[in-house]
Structures are given as structure tokens and as C-alpha cells.
Amino acid sequence: MFTLLPPDEKKLLSIEYKRRFAVVLLLLTCVGLIIGGILFMPSYLLSKVQAHDLALKKTAMANSALSSEQGTLLGTIKGAQAEVAIAKVSGHFPSQIFLKIQTYQPAGITLTHFSYAYATTGSTLTLTGVAANRQTLIDFNNALKKDPMFANADFPLSNLSDSKDISFTMNISGSF
């Protein structure tokens, strides 16, 4: 093969070829990066929007759980305030009434259940228990009737059918 170019020219053409090849390679790399960036942009924007939505949902759930817990606590507090208000209207707290009844309770009486119902016309208290004998039950009933707080203290006569270990239910009404 014949070389028609002198060696100096050949060397210059080789350098020019390598320079052009490097420029084309660099240009193709830049174009590839730009195209990749453009194609990646929708995925990036979508992930940003989803992350923002998740943060909003997390905040909303935290607020709803907090507000739900606050609502429950507020309901409990309002219920307790209503119960205290009822007791204040009557002038006596149920615990004070029960303590007063215990002062009249003789040794032979065991109280097993208290039930208290407040009404504006008059409150009702139901006592359930066991009396050792008839006389102890009658004495307890008479002692309660003597107290002006208790307008009426009655129990069914069937409670007196037994002579020992008498189960009884006593209904007491009054302004308490």
C-alpha cells in the first residue's frame, strides 16, 4: 500500500481525528444525560408529590387520633361534672348518705348492695343486705325512720318471714 500523505500530515490528521472523536463522544454523553434527566423528571416529581401526600395523611391521622382521645376525655370529664352537679343540687353527696346510713347500721346487719337514684322531687336509695335476726332488722329500720333526712324507710313484710339470716331489700326515700 502506498501512503500518499506525508508523515507530518498524517500525524496532524490523526490528532484531528482523535479530537473530533472526543468531542462527539462528549457531545453524545451530554445528550444522553439530558435525555435521561428529562425522562427521570416525571418520576422524581411524582415521588415528591406522594411524599407530600403521605406527610399530610400522617399529620391528619395524628390529629384525628389526638382529637378522638381528647373527645373521649372531654366526654368523661363532662359526665363526671354532671354527676357532681346532681350531687351538689341535692345538697348531699351519695358517699355522705352512705356514711350516715352506716352510723345507724347495727352489728347484726351486713349491707351487700347500695343503689342511689336522684330525682328533683325526692331521691331513692335501695339497700340490700342480710340481717342476723328480725329484731336487728326492725331496729335498723326504726333508726333510719327517726332521721329527718330519710322521709320513708320501708321494707316488705316478707323480709320478716325468716327468723335468722334474713335477706332484705329496703327502699329509703327522702330529700337527699
Protein backbone atom coordinates (compact mmCIF):
# COMPACT_ATOMS: atom_id res chain seq x y z
CA MET A 1 0.00 0.00 0.00
CA PHE A 2 1.03 3.40 -0.87
CA THR A 3 0.95 6.31 1.51
CA LEU A 4 0.13 9.46 -0.27
CA LEU A 5 0.28 11.68 2.79
CA PRO A 6 3.50 12.75 4.29
CA PRO A 7 4.08 11.62 7.91
CA ASP A 8 3.60 15.13 9.35
CA GLU A 9 0.21 15.48 7.68
CA LYS A 10 -0.72 12.00 8.73
CA LYS A 11 0.12 12.84 12.34
CA LEU A 12 -1.97 16.06 12.22
CA LEU A 13 -4.94 14.16 10.75
CA SER A 14 -4.66 11.52 13.46
CA ILE A 15 -4.71 14.19 16.20
CA GLU A 16 -7.67 15.93 14.50
CA TYR A 17 -9.50 12.58 14.26
CA LYS A 18 -8.96 11.85 17.95
CA ARG A 19 -10.08 15.38 18.88
CA ARG A 20 -13.27 15.10 16.80
CA PHE A 21 -13.93 11.63 18.22
CA ALA A 22 -13.56 13.00 21.80
CA VAL A 23 -15.89 15.93 21.01
CA VAL A 24 -18.54 13.62 19.52
CA LEU A 25 -18.20 11.24 22.47
CA LEU A 26 -18.52 14.12 24.93
CA LEU A 27 -21.49 15.52 22.99
CA LEU A 28 -23.26 12.13 22.96
CA THR A 29 -22.63 11.72 26.70
CA CYS A 30 -24.16 15.16 27.41
CA VAL A 31 -27.15 14.43 25.17
CA GLY A 32 -27.62 11.08 26.93
CA LEU A 33 -27.53 12.75 30.35
CA ILE A 34 -30.00 15.42 29.25
CA ILE A 35 -32.40 12.82 27.81
CA GLY A 36 -32.04 10.69 30.97
CA GLY A 37 -32.73 13.73 33.17
CA ILE A 38 -35.80 14.61 31.12
CA LEU A 39 -37.10 11.04 31.32
CA PHE A 40 -36.37 10.88 35.07
CA MET A 41 -38.15 14.18 35.87
CA PRO A 42 -41.76 12.80 35.93
CA SER A 43 -40.76 10.01 38.31
CA TYR A 44 -39.00 12.50 40.56
CA LEU A 45 -41.97 14.88 40.61
CA LEU A 46 -44.40 12.01 41.26
CA SER A 47 -42.34 10.74 44.20
CA LYS A 48 -42.19 14.29 45.65
CA VAL A 49 -45.99 14.64 45.41
CA GLN A 50 -46.53 11.22 47.00
CA ALA A 51 -44.14 12.05 49.84
CA HIS A 52 -46.02 15.31 50.46
CA ASP A 53 -49.39 13.47 50.44
CA LEU A 54 -48.06 10.89 52.91
CA ALA A 55 -46.84 13.65 55.21
CA LEU A 56 -50.28 15.28 55.08
CA LYS A 57 -52.02 11.96 55.80
CA LYS A 58 -49.66 11.28 58.70
CA THR A 59 -50.41 14.70 60.18
CA ALA A 60 -54.15 14.22 59.67
CA MET A 61 -54.09 10.80 61.32
CA ALA A 62 -52.10 12.12 64.26
CA ASN A 63 -54.54 14.99 64.66
CA SER A 64 -57.58 12.71 64.38
CA ALA A 65 -56.20 10.27 66.95
CA LEU A 66 -55.39 13.17 69.24
CA SER A 67 -58.79 14.79 68.74
CA SER A 68 -60.52 11.43 69.25
CA GLU A 69 -58.65 10.93 72.51
CA GLN A 70 -59.43 14.50 73.55
CA GLY A 71 -63.11 13.93 72.71
CA THR A 72 -63.21 10.81 74.84
CA LEU A 73 -61.54 12.58 77.75
CA LEU A 74 -63.85 15.58 77.41
CA GLY A 75 -66.88 13.28 77.41
CA THR A 76 -65.65 11.55 80.55
CA ILE A 77 -64.97 14.85 82.28
CA LYS A 78 -68.38 16.26 81.31
CA GLY A 79 -70.09 13.11 82.59
CA ALA A 80 -68.27 13.39 85.90
CA GLN A 81 -69.14 17.08 86.13
CA ALA A 82 -72.81 16.25 85.52
CA GLU A 83 -72.77 13.64 88.28
CA VAL A 84 -71.12 16.06 90.70
CA ALA A 85 -73.64 18.77 89.75
CA ILE A 86 -76.51 16.39 90.54
CA ALA A 87 -74.99 15.61 93.90
CA LYS A 88 -74.47 19.31 94.62
CA VAL A 89 -78.08 20.14 93.72
CA SER A 90 -79.34 17.61 96.22
CA GLY A 91 -77.11 19.06 98.91
CA HIS A 92 -75.58 15.70 99.83
CA PHE A 93 -73.06 13.55 98.08
CA PRO A 94 -74.01 9.86 97.86
CA SER A 95 -70.93 8.95 99.86
CA GLN A 96 -72.14 11.18 102.72
CA ILE A 97 -75.54 9.48 102.65
CA PHE A 98 -73.96 6.01 102.76
CA LEU A 99 -71.72 7.03 105.66
CA LYS A 100 -74.76 8.33 107.55
CA ILE A 101 -76.57 5.02 106.98
CA GLN A 102 -73.54 3.16 108.29
CA THR A 103 -73.76 5.12 111.55
CA TYR A 104 -77.21 3.60 112.10
CA GLN A 105 -76.13 0.12 110.99
CA PRO A 106 -76.08 -2.29 113.95
CA ALA A 107 -73.61 -5.15 114.30
CA GLY A 108 -76.06 -7.78 113.02
CA ILE A 109 -76.66 -6.07 109.64
CA THR A 110 -74.44 -6.69 106.62
CA LEU A 111 -75.12 -4.45 103.63
CA THR A 112 -74.28 -6.03 100.28
CA HIS A 113 -75.59 -3.54 97.73
CA PHE A 114 -76.40 0.16 97.52
CA SER A 115 -78.42 1.77 94.74
CA TYR A 116 -78.94 5.55 94.60
CA ALA A 117 -81.29 7.40 92.23
CA TYR A 118 -81.58 11.18 92.33
CA ALA A 119 -84.77 12.99 91.35
CA THR A 120 -85.77 16.62 91.87
CA THR A 121 -88.93 15.55 93.73
CA GLY A 122 -87.05 13.20 96.05
CA SER A 123 -84.23 10.71 95.89
CA THR A 124 -84.47 6.98 96.35
CA LEU A 125 -81.93 4.71 97.96
CA THR A 126 -82.21 0.94 97.87
CA LEU A 127 -80.24 -1.12 100.38
CA THR A 128 -79.79 -4.86 100.06
CA GLY A 129 -78.24 -6.99 102.74
CA VAL A 130 -78.51 -9.72 105.34
CA ALA A 131 -79.73 -9.30 108.92
CA ALA A 132 -78.73 -11.67 111.71
CA ASN A 133 -82.29 -11.72 113.13
CA ARG A 134 -85.68 -9.97 112.92
CA GLN A 135 -85.13 -7.63 115.83
CA THR A 136 -81.87 -6.30 114.38
CA LEU A 137 -83.61 -5.55 111.06
CA ILE A 138 -86.54 -3.81 112.80
CA ASP A 139 -84.16 -1.73 114.95
CA PHE A 140 -82.18 -0.67 111.87
CA ASN A 141 -85.37 0.30 110.06
CA ASN A 142 -86.65 2.32 113.07
CA ALA A 143 -83.34 4.14 113.45
CA LEU A 144 -83.46 5.20 109.80
CA LYS A 145 -87.09 6.36 110.11
CA LYS A 146 -86.15 8.65 113.02
CA ASP A 147 -83.62 10.58 110.94
CA PRO A 148 -85.27 13.65 109.33
CA MET A 149 -83.16 13.19 106.18
CA PHE A 150 -84.97 9.96 105.38
CA ALA A 151 -88.68 10.59 104.83
CA ASN A 152 -89.57 6.96 104.39
CA ALA A 153 -87.71 3.72 105.10
CA ASP A 154 -89.72 0.64 104.20
CA PHE A 155 -89.07 -2.98 103.51
CA PRO A 156 -91.52 -5.73 102.52
CA LEU A 157 -93.01 -7.72 105.39
CA SER A 158 -91.96 -10.88 103.57
CA ASN A 159 -88.44 -9.99 104.69
CA LEU A 160 -89.53 -10.90 108.25
CA SER A 161 -90.67 -14.42 107.34
CA ASP A 162 -87.32 -15.92 108.39
CA SER A 163 -86.03 -15.71 111.94
CA LYS A 164 -82.27 -15.83 111.21
CA ASP A 165 -80.03 -14.76 108.35
CA ILE A 166 -82.76 -12.65 106.78
CA SER A 167 -82.07 -11.35 103.27
CA PHE A 168 -83.72 -7.96 102.89
CA THR A 169 -84.21 -5.11 100.47
CA MET A 170 -85.02 -1.73 101.99
CA ASN A 171 -86.29 1.27 100.00
CA ILE A 172 -85.49 4.66 101.51
CA SER A 173 -86.82 7.91 100.08
CA GLY A 174 -86.16 11.47 101.08
CA SER A 175 -84.64 14.78 100.13
CA PHE A 176 -81.02 13.77 99.90
